Each structure stands twice: as structure tokens, then as C-alpha cells.
Amino acid sequence: MKLTVVEETKTKMVFSIEGETHTFCNLLKEEIRNVKGVEISVYKIDHPLVGVPKFQVETKGVEPRKAVKEALKSIQKMSKDFAKQAAKL
């Protein structure tokens, strides 16, 4: 996975994630959307076979980079919790 920031201001961030598909992107989009202060969290993939996901995050009252980091930490915690539950099976 390679994350590249394309554009960044105090209230907007556009970045691409090379090597990911809809599976991870949908999860990340929803987790970013759950962060307080996020107004827009969307992504698109120009071509389904060779396209690179491109995200746009717009915020009010929180820096976009901090919102993305918070969402990633949430995903990481969910993954650890899931792994613990799966180990009990």
C-alpha cells in the first residue's frame, strides 16, 4: 500500500492509495465519516482493473490529516479485536 497526498489545505485533503481495492476503501471511507468534524469522505476509482483509489476528505473544526489518522487507528483497533475473537473459535 502506498499513500500519496495530492492536495492538502486546512479543511481539505486529497490522497491516493495505490494497491488497495473497494474492500479497504469502503471501510476507510466510513471510518473517516465517523470522525467528528468530517463533512465529506468520498473516494473513486477511475478504472476498476487498473485504477488507483483517490480519496477526498473535507472537514470543519478538525484537520483532515488528523481525521484520517484517527480513522486508521479505529480500523487498527477493530482488526485487533476481531483477531482476538477469531482466535477463540
PDB file of N, CA and C in Angstrom:
ATOM      1  N   MET A   1       0.857  -1.168   0.000  1.00  0.00           N
ATOM      2  CA  MET A   1       0.000   0.000   0.000  1.00  0.00           C
ATOM      3  C   MET A   1       0.905   1.234   0.000  1.00  0.00           C
ATOM      4  N   LYS A   2       0.604   2.151  -0.890  1.00  0.00           N
ATOM      5  CA  LYS A   2       1.356   3.397  -0.971  1.00  0.00           C
ATOM      6  C   LYS A   2       0.361   4.559  -0.945  1.00  0.00           C
ATOM      7  N   LEU A   3       0.460   5.405   0.067  1.00  0.00           N
ATOM      8  CA  LEU A   3      -0.426   6.551   0.207  1.00  0.00           C
ATOM      9  C   LEU A   3       0.312   7.791  -0.288  1.00  0.00           C
ATOM     10  N   THR A   4      -0.319   8.534  -1.179  1.00  0.00           N
ATOM     11  CA  THR A   4       0.269   9.750  -1.742  1.00  0.00           C
ATOM     12  C   THR A   4      -0.707  10.901  -1.579  1.00  0.00           C
ATOM     13  N   VAL A   5      -0.266  11.964  -0.915  1.00  0.00           N
ATOM     14  CA  VAL A   5      -1.101  13.156  -0.749  1.00  0.00           C
ATOM     15  C   VAL A   5      -0.990  13.982  -2.026  1.00  0.00           C
ATOM     16  N   VAL A   6      -2.146  14.269  -2.624  1.00  0.00           N
ATOM     17  CA  VAL A   6      -2.201  15.016  -3.881  1.00  0.00           C
ATOM     18  C   VAL A   6      -2.421  16.501  -3.602  1.00  0.00           C
ATOM     19  N   GLU A   7      -3.270  16.775  -2.604  1.00  0.00           N
ATOM     20  CA  GLU A   7      -3.622  18.160  -2.255  1.00  0.00           C
ATOM     21  C   GLU A   7      -3.963  18.207  -0.779  1.00  0.00           C
ATOM     22  N   GLU A   8      -3.547  19.291  -0.106  1.00  0.00           N
ATOM     23  CA  GLU A   8      -3.880  19.412   1.310  1.00  0.00           C
ATOM     24  C   GLU A   8      -3.978  20.882   1.718  1.00  0.00           C
ATOM     25  N   THR A   9      -5.106  21.211   2.348  1.00  0.00           N
ATOM     26  CA  THR A   9      -5.304  22.529   2.933  1.00  0.00           C
ATOM     27  C   THR A   9      -5.769  22.318   4.375  1.00  0.00           C
ATOM     28  N   LYS A  10      -6.165  23.375   5.048  1.00  0.00           N
ATOM     29  CA  LYS A  10      -6.636  23.253   6.432  1.00  0.00           C
ATOM     30  C   LYS A  10      -7.948  22.490   6.541  1.00  0.00           C
ATOM     31  N   THR A  11      -8.728  22.475   5.475  1.00  0.00           N
ATOM     32  CA  THR A  11     -10.044  21.840   5.536  1.00  0.00           C
ATOM     33  C   THR A  11     -10.272  20.757   4.481  1.00  0.00           C
ATOM     34  N   LYS A  12      -9.271  20.497   3.641  1.00  0.00           N
ATOM     35  CA  LYS A  12      -9.458  19.522   2.565  1.00  0.00           C
ATOM     36  C   LYS A  12      -8.170  18.743   2.328  1.00  0.00           C
ATOM     37  N   MET A  13      -8.343  17.462   2.065  1.00  0.00           N
ATOM     38  CA  MET A  13      -7.196  16.613   1.733  1.00  0.00           C
ATOM     39  C   MET A  13      -7.611  15.647   0.639  1.00  0.00           C
ATOM     40  N   VAL A  14      -6.786  15.533  -0.385  1.00  0.00           N
ATOM     41  CA  VAL A  14      -6.992  14.587  -1.467  1.00  0.00           C
ATOM     42  C   VAL A  14      -5.760  13.688  -1.491  1.00  0.00           C
ATOM     43  N   PHE A  15      -6.003  12.373  -1.456  1.00  0.00           N
ATOM     44  CA  PHE A  15      -4.885  11.441  -1.466  1.00  0.00           C
ATOM     45  C   PHE A  15      -5.268  10.174  -2.217  1.00  0.00           C
ATOM     46  N   SER A  16      -4.246   9.466  -2.675  1.00  0.00           N
ATOM     47  CA  SER A  16      -4.480   8.195  -3.374  1.00  0.00           C
ATOM     48  C   SER A  16      -3.844   7.069  -2.566  1.00  0.00           C
ATOM     49  N   ILE A  17      -4.417   5.872  -2.729  1.00  0.00           N
ATOM     50  CA  ILE A  17      -3.902   4.687  -2.046  1.00  0.00           C
ATOM     51  C   ILE A  17      -3.653   3.623  -3.103  1.00  0.00           C
ATOM     52  N   GLU A  18      -2.403   3.490  -3.479  1.00  0.00           N
ATOM     53  CA  GLU A  18      -2.030   2.514  -4.501  1.00  0.00           C
ATOM     54  C   GLU A  18      -2.002   1.109  -3.887  1.00  0.00           C
ATOM     55  N   GLY A  19      -2.572   0.164  -4.599  1.00  0.00           N
ATOM     56  CA  GLY A  19      -2.537  -1.221  -4.143  1.00  0.00           C
ATOM     57  C   GLY A  19      -3.739  -1.644  -3.317  1.00  0.00           C
ATOM     58  N   GLU A  20      -4.768  -0.819  -3.234  1.00  0.00           N
ATOM     59  CA  GLU A  20      -5.972  -1.166  -2.468  1.00  0.00           C
ATOM     60  C   GLU A  20      -7.186  -1.226  -3.384  1.00  0.00           C
ATOM     61  N   THR A  21      -8.234  -1.881  -2.900  1.00  0.00           N
ATOM     62  CA  THR A  21      -9.463  -2.061  -3.669  1.00  0.00           C
ATOM     63  C   THR A  21     -10.635  -1.488  -2.879  1.00  0.00           C
ATOM     64  N   HIS A  22     -11.836  -1.723  -3.393  1.00  0.00           N
ATOM     65  CA  HIS A  22     -13.041  -1.236  -2.736  1.00  0.00           C
ATOM     66  C   HIS A  22     -13.179  -1.769  -1.308  1.00  0.00           C
ATOM     67  N   THR A  23     -12.680  -2.960  -1.058  1.00  0.00           N
ATOM     68  CA  THR A  23     -12.833  -3.567   0.265  1.00  0.00           C
ATOM     69  C   THR A  23     -12.280  -2.662   1.351  1.00  0.00           C
ATOM     70  N   PHE A  24     -11.028  -2.287   1.233  1.00  0.00           N
ATOM     71  CA  PHE A  24     -10.413  -1.412   2.246  1.00  0.00           C
ATOM     72  C   PHE A  24     -10.939   0.013   2.120  1.00  0.00           C
ATOM     73  N   CYS A  25     -11.122   0.488   0.901  1.00  0.00           N
ATOM     74  CA  CYS A  25     -11.539   1.881   0.697  1.00  0.00           C
ATOM     75  C   CYS A  25     -12.915   2.165   1.296  1.00  0.00           C
ATOM     76  N   ASN A  26     -13.861   1.236   1.159  1.00  0.00           N
ATOM     77  CA  ASN A  26     -15.177   1.440   1.764  1.00  0.00           C
ATOM     78  C   ASN A  26     -15.084   1.524   3.277  1.00  0.00           C
ATOM     79  N   LEU A  27     -14.281   0.652   3.870  1.00  0.00           N
ATOM     80  CA  LEU A  27     -14.091   0.679   5.317  1.00  0.00           C
ATOM     81  C   LEU A  27     -13.476   2.004   5.751  1.00  0.00           C
ATOM     82  N   LEU A  28     -12.419   2.432   5.072  1.00  0.00           N
ATOM     83  CA  LEU A  28     -11.753   3.686   5.423  1.00  0.00           C
ATOM     84  C   LEU A  28     -12.692   4.875   5.242  1.00  0.00           C
ATOM     85  N   LYS A  29     -13.428   4.887   4.155  1.00  0.00           N
ATOM     86  CA  LYS A  29     -14.376   5.984   3.898  1.00  0.00           C
ATOM     87  C   LYS A  29     -15.372   6.123   5.051  1.00  0.00           C
ATOM     88  N   GLU A  30     -15.933   4.992   5.479  1.00  0.00           N
ATOM     89  CA  GLU A  30     -16.923   5.017   6.566  1.00  0.00           C
ATOM     90  C   GLU A  30     -16.298   5.415   7.900  1.00  0.00           C
ATOM     91  N   GLU A  31     -15.117   4.939   8.178  1.00  0.00           N
ATOM     92  CA  GLU A  31     -14.467   5.303   9.440  1.00  0.00           C
ATOM     93  C   GLU A  31     -14.081   6.786   9.459  1.00  0.00           C
ATOM     94  N   ILE A  32     -13.642   7.316   8.329  1.00  0.00           N
ATOM     95  CA  ILE A  32     -13.344   8.757   8.262  1.00  0.00           C
ATOM     96  C   ILE A  32     -14.633   9.541   8.492  1.00  0.00           C
ATOM     97  N   ARG A  33     -15.712   9.084   7.879  1.00  0.00           N
ATOM     98  CA  ARG A  33     -17.011   9.752   8.008  1.00  0.00           C
ATOM     99  C   ARG A  33     -17.483   9.784   9.468  1.00  0.00           C
ATOM    100  N   ASN A  34     -17.079   8.795  10.274  1.00  0.00           N
ATOM    101  CA  ASN A  34     -17.471   8.727  11.684  1.00  0.00           C
ATOM    102  C   ASN A  34     -16.707   9.681  12.586  1.00  0.00           C
ATOM    103  N   VAL A  35     -15.633  10.281  12.088  1.00  0.00           N
ATOM    104  CA  VAL A  35     -14.835  11.206  12.886  1.00  0.00           C
ATOM    105  C   VAL A  35     -15.576  12.536  12.991  1.00  0.00           C
ATOM    106  N   LYS A  36     -15.676  13.040  14.214  1.00  0.00           N
ATOM    107  CA  LYS A  36     -16.378  14.307  14.440  1.00  0.00           C
ATOM    108  C   LYS A  36     -15.670  15.439  13.691  1.00  0.00           C
ATOM    109  N   GLY A  37     -16.446  16.212  12.947  1.00  0.00           N
ATOM    110  CA  GLY A  37     -15.911  17.336  12.186  1.00  0.00           C
ATOM    111  C   GLY A  37     -15.727  17.051  10.707  1.00  0.00           C
ATOM    112  N   VAL A  38     -15.882  15.801  10.312  1.00  0.00           N
ATOM    113  CA  VAL A  38     -15.738  15.449   8.896  1.00  0.00           C
ATOM    114  C   VAL A  38     -17.068  15.708   8.198  1.00  0.00           C
ATOM    115  N   GLU A  39     -17.010  16.476   7.136  1.00  0.00           N
ATOM    116  CA  GLU A  39     -18.211  16.799   6.375  1.00  0.00           C
ATOM    117  C   GLU A  39     -18.344  15.929   5.126  1.00  0.00           C
ATOM    118  N   ILE A  40     -17.210  15.622   4.483  1.00  0.00           N
ATOM    119  CA  ILE A  40     -17.236  14.811   3.270  1.00  0.00           C
ATOM    120  C   ILE A  40     -16.110  13.792   3.329  1.00  0.00           C
ATOM    121  N   SER A  41     -16.442  12.554   3.014  1.00  0.00           N
ATOM    122  CA  SER A  41     -15.455  11.479   2.894  1.00  0.00           C
ATOM    123  C   SER A  41     -15.899  10.612   1.726  1.00  0.00           C
ATOM    124  N   VAL A  42     -15.227  10.758   0.598  1.00  0.00           N
ATOM    125  CA  VAL A  42     -15.580  10.003  -0.605  1.00  0.00           C
ATOM    126  C   VAL A  42     -14.306   9.516  -1.293  1.00  0.00           C
ATOM    127  N   TYR A  43     -14.481   8.508  -2.131  1.00  0.00           N
ATOM    128  CA  TYR A  43     -13.372   8.063  -2.965  1.00  0.00           C
ATOM    129  C   TYR A  43     -13.920   7.605  -4.304  1.00  0.00           C
ATOM    130  N   LYS A  44     -13.022   7.518  -5.271  1.00  0.00           N
ATOM    131  CA  LYS A  44     -13.412   6.985  -6.586  1.00  0.00           C
ATOM    132  C   LYS A  44     -12.227   6.218  -7.149  1.00  0.00           C
ATOM    133  N   ILE A  45     -12.556   5.265  -7.999  1.00  0.00           N
ATOM    134  CA  ILE A  45     -11.557   4.501  -8.735  1.00  0.00           C
ATOM    135  C   ILE A  45     -11.907   4.668 -10.206  1.00  0.00           C
ATOM    136  N   ASP A  46     -11.046   5.328 -10.947  1.00  0.00           N
ATOM    137  CA  ASP A  46     -11.344   5.648 -12.348  1.00  0.00           C
ATOM    138  C   ASP A  46     -11.538   4.411 -13.218  1.00  0.00           C
ATOM    139  N   HIS A  47     -10.753   3.386 -13.019  1.00  0.00           N
ATOM    140  CA  HIS A  47     -10.891   2.163 -13.817  1.00  0.00           C
ATOM    141  C   HIS A  47     -10.887   0.972 -12.867  1.00  0.00           C
ATOM    142  N   PRO A  48     -11.862   0.095 -12.971  1.00  0.00           N
ATOM    143  CA  PRO A  48     -11.987  -0.995 -11.998  1.00  0.00           C
ATOM    144  C   PRO A  48     -10.815  -1.976 -11.977  1.00  0.00           C
ATOM    145  N   LEU A  49     -10.080  -2.104 -13.061  1.00  0.00           N
ATOM    146  CA  LEU A  49      -8.982  -3.064 -13.093  1.00  0.00           C
ATOM    147  C   LEU A  49      -7.621  -2.448 -12.813  1.00  0.00           C
ATOM    148  N   VAL A  50      -7.401  -1.231 -13.253  1.00  0.00           N
ATOM    149  CA  VAL A  50      -6.073  -0.629 -13.107  1.00  0.00           C
ATOM    150  C   VAL A  50      -6.096   0.720 -12.391  1.00  0.00           C
ATOM    151  N   GLY A  51      -7.256   1.162 -11.962  1.00  0.00           N
ATOM    152  CA  GLY A  51      -7.368   2.465 -11.325  1.00  0.00           C
ATOM    153  C   GLY A  51      -6.832   2.470  -9.901  1.00  0.00           C
ATOM    154  N   VAL A  52      -6.374   3.621  -9.480  1.00  0.00           N
ATOM    155  CA  VAL A  52      -5.882   3.821  -8.120  1.00  0.00           C
ATOM    156  C   VAL A  52      -6.951   4.601  -7.357  1.00  0.00           C
ATOM    157  N   PRO A  53      -7.383   4.107  -6.190  1.00  0.00           N
ATOM    158  CA  PRO A  53      -8.394   4.822  -5.403  1.00  0.00           C
ATOM    159  C   PRO A  53      -7.907   6.219  -5.018  1.00  0.00           C
ATOM    160  N   LYS A  54      -8.772   7.206  -5.206  1.00  0.00           N
ATOM    161  CA  LYS A  54      -8.454   8.595  -4.873  1.00  0.00           C
ATOM    162  C   LYS A  54      -9.515   9.095  -3.898  1.00  0.00           C
ATOM    163  N   PHE A  55      -9.082   9.496  -2.712  1.00  0.00           N
ATOM    164  CA  PHE A  55      -9.958   9.968  -1.650  1.00  0.00           C
ATOM    165  C   PHE A  55     -10.025  11.485  -1.612  1.00  0.00           C
ATOM    166  N   GLN A  56     -11.170  11.980  -1.160  1.00  0.00           N
ATOM    167  CA  GLN A  56     -11.325  13.397  -0.860  1.00  0.00           C
ATOM    168  C   GLN A  56     -11.980  13.489   0.510  1.00  0.00           C
ATOM    169  N   VAL A  57     -11.341  14.223   1.407  1.00  0.00           N
ATOM    170  CA  VAL A  57     -11.860  14.415   2.762  1.00  0.00           C
ATOM    171  C   VAL A  57     -11.953  15.912   3.012  1.00  0.00           C
ATOM    172  N   GLU A  58     -13.151  16.359   3.414  1.00  0.00           N
ATOM    173  CA  GLU A  58     -13.347  17.764   3.758  1.00  0.00           C
ATOM    174  C   GLU A  58     -13.879  17.837   5.180  1.00  0.00           C
ATOM    175  N   THR A  59     -13.353  18.809   5.937  1.00  0.00           N
ATOM    176  CA  THR A  59     -13.680  18.885   7.358  1.00  0.00           C
ATOM    177  C   THR A  59     -14.037  20.298   7.786  1.00  0.00           C
ATOM    178  N   LYS A  60     -14.562  20.355   9.000  1.00  0.00           N
ATOM    179  CA  LYS A  60     -14.851  21.636   9.631  1.00  0.00           C
ATOM    180  C   LYS A  60     -14.539  21.451  11.120  1.00  0.00           C
ATOM    181  N   GLY A  61     -13.516  22.139  11.606  1.00  0.00           N
ATOM    182  CA  GLY A  61     -13.177  22.043  13.019  1.00  0.00           C
ATOM    183  C   GLY A  61     -12.133  20.989  13.356  1.00  0.00           C
ATOM    184  N   VAL A  62     -11.680  20.243  12.370  1.00  0.00           N
ATOM    185  CA  VAL A  62     -10.629  19.247  12.571  1.00  0.00           C
ATOM    186  C   VAL A  62      -9.781  19.197  11.300  1.00  0.00           C
ATOM    187  N   GLU A  63      -8.480  18.994  11.475  1.00  0.00           N
ATOM    188  CA  GLU A  63      -7.612  18.903  10.305  1.00  0.00           C
ATOM    189  C   GLU A  63      -7.860  17.577   9.590  1.00  0.00           C
ATOM    190  N   PRO A  64      -7.947  17.586   8.275  1.00  0.00           N
ATOM    191  CA  PRO A  64      -8.218  16.355   7.531  1.00  0.00           C
ATOM    192  C   PRO A  64      -7.206  15.239   7.821  1.00  0.00           C
ATOM    193  N   ARG A  65      -5.940  15.597   7.936  1.00  0.00           N
ATOM    194  CA  ARG A  65      -4.911  14.591   8.197  1.00  0.00           C
ATOM    195  C   ARG A  65      -5.160  13.898   9.538  1.00  0.00           C
ATOM    196  N   LYS A  66      -5.558  14.679  10.546  1.00  0.00           N
ATOM    197  CA  LYS A  66      -5.857  14.106  11.859  1.00  0.00           C
ATOM    198  C   LYS A  66      -7.076  13.188  11.788  1.00  0.00           C
ATOM    199  N   ALA A  67      -8.065  13.558  10.995  1.00  0.00           N
ATOM    200  CA  ALA A  67      -9.259  12.732  10.841  1.00  0.00           C
ATOM    201  C   ALA A  67      -8.906  11.396  10.195  1.00  0.00           C
ATOM    202  N   VAL A  68      -8.046  11.417   9.189  1.00  0.00           N
ATOM    203  CA  VAL A  68      -7.641  10.183   8.521  1.00  0.00           C
ATOM    204  C   VAL A  68      -6.855   9.302   9.495  1.00  0.00           C
ATOM    205  N   LYS A  69      -5.948   9.904  10.253  1.00  0.00           N
ATOM    206  CA  LYS A  69      -5.172   9.140  11.234  1.00  0.00           C
ATOM    207  C   LYS A  69      -6.077   8.519  12.293  1.00  0.00           C
ATOM    208  N   GLU A  70      -7.057   9.267  12.756  1.00  0.00           N
ATOM    209  CA  GLU A  70      -7.999   8.755  13.749  1.00  0.00           C
ATOM    210  C   GLU A  70      -8.787   7.568  13.185  1.00  0.00           C
ATOM    211  N   ALA A  71      -9.212   7.682  11.939  1.00  0.00           N
ATOM    212  CA  ALA A  71      -9.953   6.590  11.299  1.00  0.00           C
ATOM    213  C   ALA A  71      -9.070   5.350  11.143  1.00  0.00           C
ATOM    214  N   LEU A  72      -7.820   5.548  10.778  1.00  0.00           N
ATOM    215  CA  LEU A  72      -6.909   4.417  10.631  1.00  0.00           C
ATOM    216  C   LEU A  72      -6.648   3.728  11.972  1.00  0.00           C
ATOM    217  N   LYS A  73      -6.546   4.516  13.033  1.00  0.00           N
ATOM    218  CA  LYS A  73      -6.374   3.930  14.369  1.00  0.00           C
ATOM    219  C   LYS A  73      -7.606   3.114  14.751  1.00  0.00           C
ATOM    220  N   SER A  74      -8.778   3.596  14.401  1.00  0.00           N
ATOM    221  CA  SER A  74     -10.012   2.871  14.680  1.00  0.00           C
ATOM    222  C   SER A  74     -10.043   1.541  13.931  1.00  0.00           C
ATOM    223  N   ILE A  75      -9.632   1.550  12.674  1.00  0.00           N
ATOM    224  CA  ILE A  75      -9.585   0.323  11.872  1.00  0.00           C
ATOM    225  C   ILE A  75      -8.582  -0.658  12.480  1.00  0.00           C
ATOM    226  N   GLN A  76      -7.463  -0.137  12.916  1.00  0.00           N
ATOM    227  CA  GLN A  76      -6.444  -0.990  13.531  1.00  0.00           C
ATOM    228  C   GLN A  76      -6.987  -1.656  14.794  1.00  0.00           C
ATOM    229  N   LYS A  77      -7.708  -0.906  15.604  1.00  0.00           N
ATOM    230  CA  LYS A  77      -8.291  -1.457  16.832  1.00  0.00           C
ATOM    231  C   LYS A  77      -9.339  -2.513  16.493  1.00  0.00           C
ATOM    232  N   MET A  78     -10.181  -2.237  15.504  1.00  0.00           N
ATOM    233  CA  MET A  78     -11.185  -3.212  15.083  1.00  0.00           C
ATOM    234  C   MET A  78     -10.526  -4.512  14.625  1.00  0.00           C
ATOM    235  N   SER A  79      -9.430  -4.385  13.890  1.00  0.00           N
ATOM    236  CA  SER A  79      -8.728  -5.563  13.388  1.00  0.00           C
ATOM    237  C   SER A  79      -8.168  -6.397  14.534  1.00  0.00           C
ATOM    238  N   LYS A  80      -7.593  -5.737  15.528  1.00  0.00           N
ATOM    239  CA  LYS A  80      -7.048  -6.443  16.691  1.00  0.00           C
ATOM    240  C   LYS A  80      -8.164  -7.132  17.472  1.00  0.00           C
ATOM    241  N   ASP A  81      -9.271  -6.422  17.662  1.00  0.00           N
ATOM    242  CA  ASP A  81     -10.410  -7.006  18.374  1.00  0.00           C
ATOM    243  C   ASP A  81     -10.958  -8.223  17.626  1.00  0.00           C
ATOM    244  N   PHE A  82     -11.045  -8.115  16.310  1.00  0.00           N
ATOM    245  CA  PHE A  82     -11.543  -9.221  15.503  1.00  0.00           C
ATOM    246  C   PHE A  82     -10.615 -10.422  15.595  1.00  0.00           C
ATOM    247  N   ALA A  83      -9.307 -10.163  15.546  1.00  0.00           N
ATOM    248  CA  ALA A  83      -8.318 -11.248  15.626  1.00  0.00           C
ATOM    249  C   ALA A  83      -8.433 -11.972  16.969  1.00  0.00           C
ATOM    250  N   LYS A  84      -8.662 -11.228  18.038  1.00  0.00           N
ATOM    251  CA  LYS A  84      -8.834 -11.846  19.367  1.00  0.00           C
ATOM    252  C   LYS A  84     -10.079 -12.726  19.396  1.00  0.00           C
ATOM    253  N   GLN A  85     -11.172 -12.238  18.833  1.00  0.00           N
ATOM    254  CA  GLN A  85     -12.407 -13.008  18.792  1.00  0.00           C
ATOM    255  C   GLN A  85     -12.253 -14.249  17.905  1.00  0.00           C
ATOM    256  N   ALA A  86     -11.572 -14.096  16.795  1.00  0.00           N
ATOM    257  CA  ALA A  86     -11.385 -15.221  15.885  1.00  0.00           C
ATOM    258  C   ALA A  86     -10.494 -16.288  16.515  1.00  0.00           C
ATOM    259  N   ALA A  87      -9.552 -15.883  17.338  1.00  0.00           N
ATOM    260  CA  ALA A  87      -8.666 -16.842  17.995  1.00  0.00           C
ATOM    261  C   ALA A  87      -9.422 -17.721  18.980  1.00  0.00           C
ATOM    262  N   LYS A  88     -10.561 -17.247  19.471  1.00  0.00           N
ATOM    263  CA  LYS A  88     -11.371 -18.010  20.432  1.00  0.00           C
ATOM    264  C   LYS A  88     -12.197 -19.097  19.749  1.00  0.00           C
ATOM    265  N   LEU A  89     -12.323 -19.029  18.429  1.00  0.00           N
ATOM    266  CA  LEU A  89     -13.141 -20.021  17.704  1.00  0.00           C
ATOM    267  C   LEU A  89     -12.534 -21.402  17.737  1.00  0.00           C
TER     268      LEU A  89
END
